[in-house]
């Protein structure tokens, strides 16, 4: 009787595995958009949902590519930059902001043709950019530890928010009242009062380090932080800061995005994969590991087009391109 029970259990496991193998992949490579003669590292992206334009920080090429994802072609290239890292598009003024690590400047380009429209000197290592829609500000991480607030009307820096080290990814909470900031040098996730412009607390990282990408799940009131040492996803409650769970990830994570329609996360990693995690009653579980190219670690999930865009740098085997992934249910 015991043998029969064990055999039945084994058959059940095999059937379940076979069923999962037949499930459609959660991400399908739909297209590759060539970037042309672009050399070196590709950094972060921004998106103009109205015109379906993807802005690509071509850090190693000292340029920003403007890609029409509908027509799947590069419209123009903005040259003569200095290691562009962060990009953000301010739709209300049709202005593209580009943060440059090489000289600490933020360059402005005016749409629709993206002609040069000025620069703001921050002094050192200008990096990630976010739009503060609650206060109509552009926020830029830079230097040895600060977030700069820029007024899009005057196009000047109007405030500084000091930090304990250089900021990597940062995100506003669901109400815009707080900013969560990855500060890997301080081995913490800093919590900033967005109105007062000062740190009010820090989240416990439980000894993990190299926390670079993060995202906020607005519907679930969760902060999602990807660590590289060790390769883990940590989930915090945005309202309390409490750690809700920790899950294994791919190595060298650089971007994480929430797919609210499918209750999934997409994490792009430099080891050459995209981890797809599905929400469960206990947190998250990996449902797929999509192979890409080593070093392809920056991405953007655009809800407006329902596509994940991945930056692939030029190699001997692959030209520089944007890989377009279509999610499947």
C-alpha atoms as a PDB file:
ATOM      1  CA  UNK A   1       0.000   0.000   0.000  1.00  0.00           C
ATOM      2  CA  UNK A   2       2.877   2.299   0.887  1.00  0.00           C
ATOM      3  CA  UNK A   3       4.496   1.645  -2.511  1.00  0.00           C
ATOM      4  CA  UNK A   4       1.240   2.488  -4.299  1.00  0.00           C
ATOM      5  CA  UNK A   5       0.962   5.781  -2.405  1.00  0.00           C
ATOM      6  CA  UNK A   6       4.556   6.722  -3.220  1.00  0.00           C
ATOM      7  CA  UNK A   7       4.045   5.814  -6.885  1.00  0.00           C
ATOM      8  CA  UNK A   8       0.906   7.929  -7.054  1.00  0.00           C
ATOM      9  CA  UNK A   9       2.749  10.870  -5.515  1.00  0.00           C
ATOM     10  CA  UNK A  10       5.607  10.494  -8.013  1.00  0.00           C
ATOM     11  CA  UNK A  11       3.208  10.383 -10.956  1.00  0.00           C
ATOM     12  CA  UNK A  12       1.502  13.509  -9.631  1.00  0.00           C
ATOM     13  CA  UNK A  13       4.814  15.361  -9.426  1.00  0.00           C
ATOM     14  CA  UNK A  14       5.764  14.340 -12.947  1.00  0.00           C
ATOM     15  CA  UNK A  15       2.396  15.446 -14.331  1.00  0.00           C
ATOM     16  CA  UNK A  16       2.702  18.806 -12.562  1.00  0.00           C
ATOM     17  CA  UNK A  17       6.221  19.310 -13.955  1.00  0.00           C
ATOM     18  CA  UNK A  18       5.036  18.386 -17.454  1.00  0.00           C
ATOM     19  CA  UNK A  19       2.119  20.797 -17.170  1.00  0.00           C
ATOM     20  CA  UNK A  20       4.445  23.629 -16.130  1.00  0.00           C
ATOM     21  CA  UNK A  21       6.807  22.846 -19.013  1.00  0.00           C
ATOM     22  CA  UNK A  22       3.911  23.331 -21.420  1.00  0.00           C
ATOM     23  CA  UNK A  23       2.922  26.674 -19.914  1.00  0.00           C
ATOM     24  CA  UNK A  24       3.690  29.645 -22.179  1.00  0.00           C
ATOM     25  CA  UNK A  25       6.774  31.664 -21.250  1.00  0.00           C
ATOM     26  CA  UNK A  26       5.809  34.780 -19.264  1.00  0.00           C
ATOM     27  CA  UNK A  27       8.036  36.914 -21.538  1.00  0.00           C
ATOM     28  CA  UNK A  28       8.515  36.431 -25.272  1.00  0.00           C
ATOM     29  CA  UNK A  29      11.224  38.192 -27.280  1.00  0.00           C
ATOM     30  CA  UNK A  30       9.195  40.100 -29.853  1.00  0.00           C
ATOM     31  CA  UNK A  31      11.792  42.274 -31.586  1.00  0.00           C
ATOM     32  CA  UNK A  32      15.321  43.634 -31.540  1.00  0.00           C
ATOM     33  CA  UNK A  33      15.676  47.343 -32.315  1.00  0.00           C
ATOM     34  CA  UNK A  34      19.234  48.081 -33.562  1.00  0.00           C
ATOM     35  CA  UNK A  35      20.880  51.091 -31.918  1.00  0.00           C
ATOM     36  CA  UNK A  36      23.524  51.475 -34.603  1.00  0.00           C
ATOM     37  CA  UNK A  37      27.178  52.227 -33.889  1.00  0.00           C
ATOM     38  CA  UNK A  38      26.882  52.445 -30.103  1.00  0.00           C
ATOM     39  CA  UNK A  39      29.824  51.211 -28.048  1.00  0.00           C
ATOM     40  CA  UNK A  40      30.137  50.493 -24.347  1.00  0.00           C
ATOM     41  CA  UNK A  41      27.786  50.290 -21.412  1.00  0.00           C
ATOM     42  CA  UNK A  42      24.102  51.146 -21.662  1.00  0.00           C
ATOM     43  CA  UNK A  43      22.532  52.673 -18.576  1.00  0.00           C
ATOM     44  CA  UNK A  44      19.004  53.722 -17.627  1.00  0.00           C
ATOM     45  CA  UNK A  45      15.895  54.524 -19.713  1.00  0.00           C
ATOM     46  CA  UNK A  46      12.981  56.938 -19.715  1.00  0.00           C
ATOM     47  CA  UNK A  47       9.734  56.862 -21.691  1.00  0.00           C
ATOM     48  CA  UNK A  48       7.386  59.297 -23.408  1.00  0.00           C
ATOM     49  CA  UNK A  49       4.090  57.398 -23.371  1.00  0.00           C
ATOM     50  CA  UNK A  50       2.274  59.815 -25.699  1.00  0.00           C
ATOM     51  CA  UNK A  51       4.720  59.445 -28.576  1.00  0.00           C
ATOM     52  CA  UNK A  52       6.045  56.016 -27.567  1.00  0.00           C
ATOM     53  CA  UNK A  53       9.630  57.226 -27.403  1.00  0.00           C
ATOM     54  CA  UNK A  54      12.268  55.391 -25.402  1.00  0.00           C
ATOM     55  CA  UNK A  55      15.244  57.449 -24.218  1.00  0.00           C
ATOM     56  CA  UNK A  56      18.393  55.344 -23.789  1.00  0.00           C
ATOM     57  CA  UNK A  57      21.381  56.525 -21.728  1.00  0.00           C
ATOM     58  CA  UNK A  58      24.293  55.251 -23.820  1.00  0.00           C
ATOM     59  CA  UNK A  59      26.873  55.832 -21.081  1.00  0.00           C
ATOM     60  CA  UNK A  60      29.872  54.271 -22.827  1.00  0.00           C
ATOM     61  CA  UNK A  61      29.055  56.150 -26.030  1.00  0.00           C
ATOM     62  CA  UNK A  62      28.536  59.571 -24.322  1.00  0.00           C
ATOM     63  CA  UNK A  63      25.139  59.871 -25.976  1.00  0.00           C
ATOM     64  CA  UNK A  64      21.393  59.378 -25.539  1.00  0.00           C
ATOM     65  CA  UNK A  65      19.420  57.478 -28.140  1.00  0.00           C
ATOM     66  CA  UNK A  66      15.840  58.497 -28.929  1.00  0.00           C
ATOM     67  CA  UNK A  67      14.035  55.358 -30.060  1.00  0.00           C
ATOM     68  CA  UNK A  68      10.582  55.174 -31.631  1.00  0.00           C
ATOM     69  CA  UNK A  69       9.384  51.843 -30.223  1.00  0.00           C
ATOM     70  CA  UNK A  70       6.267  51.848 -32.405  1.00  0.00           C
ATOM     71  CA  UNK A  71       8.254  52.142 -35.632  1.00  0.00           C
ATOM     72  CA  UNK A  72      11.158  50.224 -34.046  1.00  0.00           C
ATOM     73  CA  UNK A  73      13.896  52.589 -35.124  1.00  0.00           C
ATOM     74  CA  UNK A  74      16.265  55.214 -33.718  1.00  0.00           C
ATOM     75  CA  UNK A  75      14.953  58.697 -34.498  1.00  0.00           C
ATOM     76  CA  UNK A  76      18.018  60.635 -33.399  1.00  0.00           C
ATOM     77  CA  UNK A  77      21.035  60.571 -31.138  1.00  0.00           C
ATOM     78  CA  UNK A  78      21.985  63.297 -28.655  1.00  0.00           C
ATOM     79  CA  UNK A  79      25.818  63.375 -28.671  1.00  0.00           C
ATOM     80  CA  UNK A  80      28.635  65.090 -26.769  1.00  0.00           C
ATOM     81  CA  UNK A  81      27.467  64.108 -23.287  1.00  0.00           C
ATOM     82  CA  UNK A  82      29.667  62.953 -20.390  1.00  0.00           C
ATOM     83  CA  UNK A  83      28.789  59.442 -19.252  1.00  0.00           C
ATOM     84  CA  UNK A  84      25.004  59.853 -19.161  1.00  0.00           C
ATOM     85  CA  UNK A  85      23.460  57.653 -16.461  1.00  0.00           C
ATOM     86  CA  UNK A  86      19.943  58.809 -15.584  1.00  0.00           C
ATOM     87  CA  UNK A  87      17.258  60.148 -17.922  1.00  0.00           C
ATOM     88  CA  UNK A  88      13.763  61.460 -17.220  1.00  0.00           C
ATOM     89  CA  UNK A  89      11.097  62.951 -19.454  1.00  0.00           C
ATOM     90  CA  UNK A  90       8.967  65.766 -18.031  1.00  0.00           C
ATOM     91  CA  UNK A  91       5.802  65.565 -20.134  1.00  0.00           C
ATOM     92  CA  UNK A  92       4.280  68.877 -18.956  1.00  0.00           C
ATOM     93  CA  UNK A  93       7.160  70.873 -20.453  1.00  0.00           C
ATOM     94  CA  UNK A  94       8.269  68.320 -23.103  1.00  0.00           C
ATOM     95  CA  UNK A  95      11.750  68.379 -21.611  1.00  0.00           C
ATOM     96  CA  UNK A  96      14.268  65.550 -21.422  1.00  0.00           C
ATOM     97  CA  UNK A  97      16.628  65.650 -18.419  1.00  0.00           C
ATOM     98  CA  UNK A  98      19.952  63.802 -18.697  1.00  0.00           C
ATOM     99  CA  UNK A  99      22.235  63.271 -15.691  1.00  0.00           C
ATOM    100  CA  UNK A 100      25.949  62.969 -16.490  1.00  0.00           C
ATOM    101  CA  UNK A 101      28.353  61.108 -14.219  1.00  0.00           C
ATOM    102  CA  UNK A 102      31.420  62.455 -16.026  1.00  0.00           C
ATOM    103  CA  UNK A 103      30.970  66.128 -15.185  1.00  0.00           C
ATOM    104  CA  UNK A 104      28.103  66.180 -12.676  1.00  0.00           C
ATOM    105  CA  UNK A 105      25.813  68.141 -14.975  1.00  0.00           C
ATOM    106  CA  UNK A 106      22.149  67.725 -15.844  1.00  0.00           C
ATOM    107  CA  UNK A 107      21.577  68.566 -19.510  1.00  0.00           C
ATOM    108  CA  UNK A 108      18.169  69.659 -20.775  1.00  0.00           C
ATOM    109  CA  UNK A 109      16.744  68.954 -24.241  1.00  0.00           C
ATOM    110  CA  UNK A 110      13.546  70.545 -25.477  1.00  0.00           C
ATOM    111  CA  UNK A 111      10.974  68.516 -27.379  1.00  0.00           C
ATOM    112  CA  UNK A 112       9.687  67.800 -29.911  1.00  0.00           C
ATOM    113  CA  UNK A 113      13.118  67.910 -31.615  1.00  0.00           C
ATOM    114  CA  UNK A 114      15.170  67.646 -28.398  1.00  0.00           C
ATOM    115  CA  UNK A 115      17.364  70.635 -29.070  1.00  0.00           C
ATOM    116  CA  UNK A 116      19.792  71.608 -26.266  1.00  0.00           C
ATOM    117  CA  UNK A 117      17.997  73.779 -23.699  1.00  0.00           C
ATOM    118  CA  UNK A 118      20.539  74.405 -20.968  1.00  0.00           C
ATOM    119  CA  UNK A 119      22.402  72.647 -18.194  1.00  0.00           C
ATOM    120  CA  UNK A 120      22.382  72.571 -14.420  1.00  0.00           C
ATOM    121  CA  UNK A 121      25.682  72.005 -12.611  1.00  0.00           C
ATOM    122  CA  UNK A 122      25.453  69.628  -9.662  1.00  0.00           C
ATOM    123  CA  UNK A 123      29.200  69.152  -9.347  1.00  0.00           C
ATOM    124  CA  UNK A 124      29.781  65.399  -9.209  1.00  0.00           C
ATOM    125  CA  UNK A 125      28.410  62.042 -10.385  1.00  0.00           C
ATOM    126  CA  UNK A 126      24.856  62.972 -11.406  1.00  0.00           C
ATOM    127  CA  UNK A 127      22.937  59.699 -11.536  1.00  0.00           C
ATOM    128  CA  UNK A 128      19.300  58.571 -11.228  1.00  0.00           C
ATOM    129  CA  UNK A 129      16.435  60.974 -11.957  1.00  0.00           C
ATOM    130  CA  UNK A 130      12.790  60.826 -10.859  1.00  0.00           C
ATOM    131  CA  UNK A 131       9.783  63.055 -11.516  1.00  0.00           C
ATOM    132  CA  UNK A 132       8.158  64.343  -8.313  1.00  0.00           C
ATOM    133  CA  UNK A 133       4.629  64.821  -9.648  1.00  0.00           C
ATOM    134  CA  UNK A 134       3.282  65.793  -6.216  1.00  0.00           C
ATOM    135  CA  UNK A 135       5.458  68.925  -5.949  1.00  0.00           C
ATOM    136  CA  UNK A 136       6.245  69.389  -9.670  1.00  0.00           C
ATOM    137  CA  UNK A 137       9.969  68.865  -9.228  1.00  0.00           C
ATOM    138  CA  UNK A 138      12.725  66.909 -10.932  1.00  0.00           C
ATOM    139  CA  UNK A 139      14.808  64.995  -8.378  1.00  0.00           C
ATOM    140  CA  UNK A 140      18.378  63.895  -9.159  1.00  0.00           C
ATOM    141  CA  UNK A 141      20.731  61.759  -7.075  1.00  0.00           C
ATOM    142  CA  UNK A 142      24.334  62.938  -7.172  1.00  0.00           C
ATOM    143  CA  UNK A 143      27.699  63.309  -5.521  1.00  0.00           C
ATOM    144  CA  UNK A 144      28.864  61.806  -2.266  1.00  0.00           C
ATOM    145  CA  UNK A 145      25.365  61.951  -0.845  1.00  0.00           C
ATOM    146  CA  UNK A 146      22.436  64.126  -1.911  1.00  0.00           C
ATOM    147  CA  UNK A 147      19.206  64.417  -3.844  1.00  0.00           C
ATOM    148  CA  UNK A 148      18.822  67.682  -5.752  1.00  0.00           C
ATOM    149  CA  UNK A 149      15.371  69.147  -6.424  1.00  0.00           C
ATOM    150  CA  UNK A 150      15.025  71.075  -9.682  1.00  0.00           C
ATOM    151  CA  UNK A 151      12.170  73.428 -10.543  1.00  0.00           C
ATOM    152  CA  UNK A 152      11.069  72.713 -14.157  1.00  0.00           C
ATOM    153  CA  UNK A 153       9.747  76.272 -14.580  1.00  0.00           C
ATOM    154  CA  UNK A 154      12.933  78.150 -13.661  1.00  0.00           C
ATOM    155  CA  UNK A 155      15.159  75.192 -14.552  1.00  0.00           C
ATOM    156  CA  UNK A 156      17.253  75.735 -11.452  1.00  0.00           C
ATOM    157  CA  UNK A 157      18.183  73.668  -8.431  1.00  0.00           C
ATOM    158  CA  UNK A 158      15.959  74.785  -5.564  1.00  0.00           C
ATOM    159  CA  UNK A 159      16.849  72.343  -2.781  1.00  0.00           C
ATOM    160  CA  UNK A 160      19.258  69.663  -1.589  1.00  0.00           C
ATOM    161  CA  UNK A 161      18.392  66.619   0.506  1.00  0.00           C
ATOM    162  CA  UNK A 162      21.552  65.313   2.228  1.00  0.00           C
ATOM    163  CA  UNK A 163      22.301  61.584   2.495  1.00  0.00           C
ATOM    164  CA  UNK A 164      25.020  59.417   4.078  1.00  0.00           C
ATOM    165  CA  UNK A 165      26.462  58.319   0.743  1.00  0.00           C
ATOM    166  CA  UNK A 166      25.969  58.331  -3.009  1.00  0.00           C
ATOM    167  CA  UNK A 167      22.335  57.475  -3.893  1.00  0.00           C
ATOM    168  CA  UNK A 168      21.539  54.709  -6.317  1.00  0.00           C
ATOM    169  CA  UNK A 169      17.912  53.989  -7.249  1.00  0.00           C
ATOM    170  CA  UNK A 170      15.269  55.888  -5.303  1.00  0.00           C
ATOM    171  CA  UNK A 171      11.482  55.846  -5.431  1.00  0.00           C
ATOM    172  CA  UNK A 172       8.575  57.824  -4.005  1.00  0.00           C
ATOM    173  CA  UNK A 173       6.038  55.985  -1.910  1.00  0.00           C
ATOM    174  CA  UNK A 174       2.438  55.728  -3.106  1.00  0.00           C
ATOM    175  CA  UNK A 175       1.423  59.098  -1.623  1.00  0.00           C
ATOM    176  CA  UNK A 176       4.576  61.020  -2.528  1.00  0.00           C
ATOM    177  CA  UNK A 177       5.232  61.878   1.113  1.00  0.00           C
ATOM    178  CA  UNK A 178       8.415  59.821   1.423  1.00  0.00           C
ATOM    179  CA  UNK A 179      11.376  58.876  -0.730  1.00  0.00           C
ATOM    180  CA  UNK A 180      13.092  55.520  -0.313  1.00  0.00           C
ATOM    181  CA  UNK A 181      16.757  55.752  -1.316  1.00  0.00           C
ATOM    182  CA  UNK A 182      19.281  52.961  -1.825  1.00  0.00           C
ATOM    183  CA  UNK A 183      22.575  54.094  -0.236  1.00  0.00           C
ATOM    184  CA  UNK A 184      24.841  51.041  -0.585  1.00  0.00           C
ATOM    185  CA  UNK A 185      27.900  52.833   0.829  1.00  0.00           C
ATOM    186  CA  UNK A 186      26.028  53.256   4.126  1.00  0.00           C
ATOM    187  CA  UNK A 187      24.512  49.748   3.808  1.00  0.00           C
ATOM    188  CA  UNK A 188      21.031  51.151   4.279  1.00  0.00           C
ATOM    189  CA  UNK A 189      17.776  52.115   2.643  1.00  0.00           C
ATOM    190  CA  UNK A 190      17.277  55.720   3.632  1.00  0.00           C
ATOM    191  CA  UNK A 191      13.788  57.113   4.197  1.00  0.00           C
ATOM    192  CA  UNK A 192      13.472  60.819   3.366  1.00  0.00           C
ATOM    193  CA  UNK A 193      10.577  63.132   4.212  1.00  0.00           C
ATOM    194  CA  UNK A 194       9.906  64.500   0.726  1.00  0.00           C
ATOM    195  CA  UNK A 195       8.323  67.722   1.968  1.00  0.00           C
ATOM    196  CA  UNK A 196      10.936  68.565   4.599  1.00  0.00           C
ATOM    197  CA  UNK A 197      13.833  67.256   2.496  1.00  0.00           C
ATOM    198  CA  UNK A 198      15.559  65.376   5.316  1.00  0.00           C
ATOM    199  CA  UNK A 199      16.184  61.800   6.402  1.00  0.00           C
ATOM    200  CA  UNK A 200      13.716  60.530   8.989  1.00  0.00           C
ATOM    201  CA  UNK A 201      14.671  56.857   9.278  1.00  0.00           C
ATOM    202  CA  UNK A 202      16.393  53.890   7.624  1.00  0.00           C
ATOM    203  CA  UNK A 203      15.228  50.368   6.840  1.00  0.00           C
ATOM    204  CA  UNK A 204      17.101  47.363   8.204  1.00  0.00           C
ATOM    205  CA  UNK A 205      18.800  45.484   5.347  1.00  0.00           C
ATOM    206  CA  UNK A 206      19.555  42.453   7.541  1.00  0.00           C
ATOM    207  CA  UNK A 207      23.235  42.521   6.615  1.00  0.00           C
ATOM    208  CA  UNK A 208      22.702  42.457   2.844  1.00  0.00           C
ATOM    209  CA  UNK A 209      24.716  44.835   0.661  1.00  0.00           C
ATOM    210  CA  UNK A 210      25.015  46.338  -2.825  1.00  0.00           C
ATOM    211  CA  UNK A 211      21.384  47.436  -2.963  1.00  0.00           C
ATOM    212  CA  UNK A 212      21.039  49.163  -6.321  1.00  0.00           C
ATOM    213  CA  UNK A 213      17.595  48.751  -8.001  1.00  0.00           C
ATOM    214  CA  UNK A 214      14.233  49.218  -6.310  1.00  0.00           C
ATOM    215  CA  UNK A 215      10.552  49.614  -7.177  1.00  0.00           C
ATOM    216  CA  UNK A 216       7.313  50.391  -5.356  1.00  0.00           C
ATOM    217  CA  UNK A 217       4.235  48.229  -5.758  1.00  0.00           C
ATOM    218  CA  UNK A 218       1.556  50.871  -5.257  1.00  0.00           C
ATOM    219  CA  UNK A 219      -1.363  48.430  -5.097  1.00  0.00           C
ATOM    220  CA  UNK A 220       0.282  46.174  -2.517  1.00  0.00           C
ATOM    221  CA  UNK A 221       1.984  48.978  -0.553  1.00  0.00           C
ATOM    222  CA  UNK A 222       5.347  47.260  -0.910  1.00  0.00           C
ATOM    223  CA  UNK A 223       8.902  48.428  -1.456  1.00  0.00           C
ATOM    224  CA  UNK A 224      10.917  45.941  -3.538  1.00  0.00           C
ATOM    225  CA  UNK A 225      14.701  46.180  -3.227  1.00  0.00           C
ATOM    226  CA  UNK A 226      17.172  44.021  -5.158  1.00  0.00           C
ATOM    227  CA  UNK A 227      20.528  43.287  -3.524  1.00  0.00           C
ATOM    228  CA  UNK A 228      23.653  41.927  -5.217  1.00  0.00           C
ATOM    229  CA  UNK A 229      25.418  40.690  -2.076  1.00  0.00           C
ATOM    230  CA  UNK A 230      23.813  38.244  -1.652  1.00  0.00           C
ATOM    231  CA  UNK A 231      21.534  38.124  -4.721  1.00  0.00           C
ATOM    232  CA  UNK A 232      18.207  38.647  -2.991  1.00  0.00           C
ATOM    233  CA  UNK A 233      14.939  40.509  -3.363  1.00  0.00           C
ATOM    234  CA  UNK A 234      13.786  42.038  -0.076  1.00  0.00           C
ATOM    235  CA  UNK A 235      10.191  43.131   0.360  1.00  0.00           C
ATOM    236  CA  UNK A 236       9.258  45.882   2.835  1.00  0.00           C
ATOM    237  CA  UNK A 237       5.901  47.363   3.810  1.00  0.00           C
ATOM    238  CA  UNK A 238       5.895  50.986   2.627  1.00  0.00           C
ATOM    239  CA  UNK A 239       3.724  52.128   5.537  1.00  0.00           C
ATOM    240  CA  UNK A 240       5.690  50.547   8.379  1.00  0.00           C
ATOM    241  CA  UNK A 241       9.087  49.705   6.904  1.00  0.00           C
ATOM    242  CA  UNK A 242       8.734  46.143   8.154  1.00  0.00           C
ATOM    243  CA  UNK A 243      10.607  43.427   6.249  1.00  0.00           C
ATOM    244  CA  UNK A 244       7.979  41.056   4.833  1.00  0.00           C
ATOM    245  CA  UNK A 245      10.185  38.564   3.027  1.00  0.00           C
ATOM    246  CA  UNK A 246      13.426  37.746   1.205  1.00  0.00           C
ATOM    247  CA  UNK A 247      13.686  35.778  -2.058  1.00  0.00           C
ATOM    248  CA  UNK A 248      16.505  34.496  -4.271  1.00  0.00           C
ATOM    249  CA  UNK A 249      17.369  36.502  -7.411  1.00  0.00           C
ATOM    250  CA  UNK A 250      19.650  36.425 -10.413  1.00  0.00           C
ATOM    251  CA  UNK A 251      23.110  37.957  -9.997  1.00  0.00           C
ATOM    252  CA  UNK A 252      24.038  41.595 -10.734  1.00  0.00           C
ATOM    253  CA  UNK A 253      20.477  42.979 -10.684  1.00  0.00           C
ATOM    254  CA  UNK A 254      20.168  46.532 -12.016  1.00  0.00           C
ATOM    255  CA  UNK A 255      16.453  47.111 -12.603  1.00  0.00           C
ATOM    256  CA  UNK A 256      13.224  45.795 -11.116  1.00  0.00           C
ATOM    257  CA  UNK A 257       9.707  46.593 -12.340  1.00  0.00           C
ATOM    258  CA  UNK A 258       6.161  45.763 -11.283  1.00  0.00           C
ATOM    259  CA  UNK A 259       3.660  44.418 -13.814  1.00  0.00           C
ATOM    260  CA  UNK A 260       0.427  45.330 -11.971  1.00  0.00           C
ATOM    261  CA  UNK A 261      -1.870  43.614 -14.475  1.00  0.00           C
ATOM    262  CA  UNK A 262      -0.280  40.200 -14.040  1.00  0.00           C
ATOM    263  CA  UNK A 263       0.982  40.623 -10.450  1.00  0.00           C
ATOM    264  CA  UNK A 264       4.539  39.948 -11.551  1.00  0.00           C
ATOM    265  CA  UNK A 265       8.008  41.398 -11.122  1.00  0.00           C
ATOM    266  CA  UNK A 266      10.650  41.633 -13.842  1.00  0.00           C
ATOM    267  CA  UNK A 267      14.271  41.815 -12.683  1.00  0.00           C
ATOM    268  CA  UNK A 268      17.017  42.336 -15.285  1.00  0.00           C
ATOM    269  CA  UNK A 269      20.453  41.056 -14.284  1.00  0.00           C
ATOM    270  CA  UNK A 270      23.962  41.409 -15.645  1.00  0.00           C
ATOM    271  CA  UNK A 271      24.560  37.671 -15.467  1.00  0.00           C
ATOM    272  CA  UNK A 272      22.482  37.490 -18.660  1.00  0.00           C
ATOM    273  CA  UNK A 273      18.933  36.722 -17.544  1.00  0.00           C
ATOM    274  CA  UNK A 274      15.621  38.283 -16.604  1.00  0.00           C
ATOM    275  CA  UNK A 275      13.993  36.802 -13.520  1.00  0.00           C
ATOM    276  CA  UNK A 276      10.194  36.729 -13.612  1.00  0.00           C
ATOM    277  CA  UNK A 277       8.627  36.503 -10.155  1.00  0.00           C
ATOM    278  CA  UNK A 278       4.931  35.922  -9.528  1.00  0.00           C
ATOM    279  CA  UNK A 279       3.071  37.107  -6.465  1.00  0.00           C
ATOM    280  CA  UNK A 280       1.923  34.337  -4.133  1.00  0.00           C
ATOM    281  CA  UNK A 281       0.189  34.166  -0.769  1.00  0.00           C
ATOM    282  CA  UNK A 282       3.636  33.902   0.854  1.00  0.00           C
ATOM    283  CA  UNK A 283       5.309  36.657  -1.174  1.00  0.00           C
ATOM    284  CA  UNK A 284       6.927  35.862  -4.537  1.00  0.00           C
ATOM    285  CA  UNK A 285       8.239  32.857  -6.420  1.00  0.00           C
ATOM    286  CA  UNK A 286      10.329  32.668  -9.562  1.00  0.00           C
ATOM    287  CA  UNK A 287       8.246  31.366 -12.456  1.00  0.00           C
ATOM    288  CA  UNK A 288      10.818  31.834 -15.216  1.00  0.00           C
ATOM    289  CA  UNK A 289      14.401  32.796 -15.900  1.00  0.00           C
ATOM    290  CA  UNK A 290      14.607  34.298 -19.393  1.00  0.00           C
ATOM    291  CA  UNK A 291      18.080  34.102 -21.014  1.00  0.00           C
ATOM    292  CA  UNK A 292      19.472  37.339 -22.500  1.00  0.00           C
ATOM    293  CA  UNK A 293      23.114  38.445 -22.906  1.00  0.00           C
ATOM    294  CA  UNK A 294      25.801  38.882 -20.246  1.00  0.00           C
ATOM    295  CA  UNK A 295      25.991  42.549 -19.245  1.00  0.00           C
ATOM    296  CA  UNK A 296      22.436  43.353 -20.386  1.00  0.00           C
ATOM    297  CA  UNK A 297      21.140  44.547 -17.042  1.00  0.00           C
ATOM    298  CA  UNK A 298      19.189  47.788 -17.586  1.00  0.00           C
ATOM    299  CA  UNK A 299      15.558  47.689 -18.618  1.00  0.00           C
ATOM    300  CA  UNK A 300      12.210  49.468 -18.462  1.00  0.00           C
ATOM    301  CA  UNK A 301       8.676  48.094 -18.278  1.00  0.00           C
ATOM    302  CA  UNK A 302       6.267  50.505 -19.992  1.00  0.00           C
ATOM    303  CA  UNK A 303       2.660  50.022 -18.962  1.00  0.00           C
ATOM    304  CA  UNK A 304       1.538  52.205 -21.894  1.00  0.00           C
ATOM    305  CA  UNK A 305       2.843  49.680 -24.436  1.00  0.00           C
ATOM    306  CA  UNK A 306       2.760  46.606 -22.164  1.00  0.00           C
ATOM    307  CA  UNK A 307       6.345  45.783 -23.089  1.00  0.00           C
ATOM    308  CA  UNK A 308       9.655  45.262 -21.300  1.00  0.00           C
ATOM    309  CA  UNK A 309      12.599  46.956 -23.021  1.00  0.00           C
ATOM    310  CA  UNK A 310      16.106  45.627 -22.337  1.00  0.00           C
ATOM    311  CA  UNK A 311      19.365  47.376 -23.206  1.00  0.00           C
ATOM    312  CA  UNK A 312      21.910  45.061 -24.838  1.00  0.00           C
ATOM    313  CA  UNK A 313      25.405  46.463 -25.283  1.00  0.00           C
ATOM    314  CA  UNK A 314      27.478  45.640 -28.357  1.00  0.00           C
ATOM    315  CA  UNK A 315      29.577  42.450 -28.207  1.00  0.00           C
ATOM    316  CA  UNK A 316      31.406  40.340 -30.757  1.00  0.00           C
ATOM    317  CA  UNK A 317      28.246  38.238 -31.110  1.00  0.00           C
ATOM    318  CA  UNK A 318      25.514  40.875 -30.686  1.00  0.00           C
ATOM    319  CA  UNK A 319      25.166  44.459 -31.953  1.00  0.00           C
ATOM    320  CA  UNK A 320      23.911  47.142 -29.577  1.00  0.00           C
ATOM    321  CA  UNK A 321      20.120  46.922 -29.482  1.00  0.00           C
ATOM    322  CA  UNK A 322      16.954  47.261 -27.492  1.00  0.00           C
ATOM    323  CA  UNK A 323      15.331  43.885 -27.017  1.00  0.00           C
ATOM    324  CA  UNK A 324      11.542  44.079 -26.802  1.00  0.00           C
ATOM    325  CA  UNK A 325       9.780  41.502 -24.648  1.00  0.00           C
ATOM    326  CA  UNK A 326       6.022  40.917 -24.743  1.00  0.00           C
ATOM    327  CA  UNK A 327       4.432  39.580 -21.546  1.00  0.00           C
ATOM    328  CA  UNK A 328       2.068  36.611 -21.739  1.00  0.00           C
ATOM    329  CA  UNK A 329      -0.519  35.566 -19.215  1.00  0.00           C
END
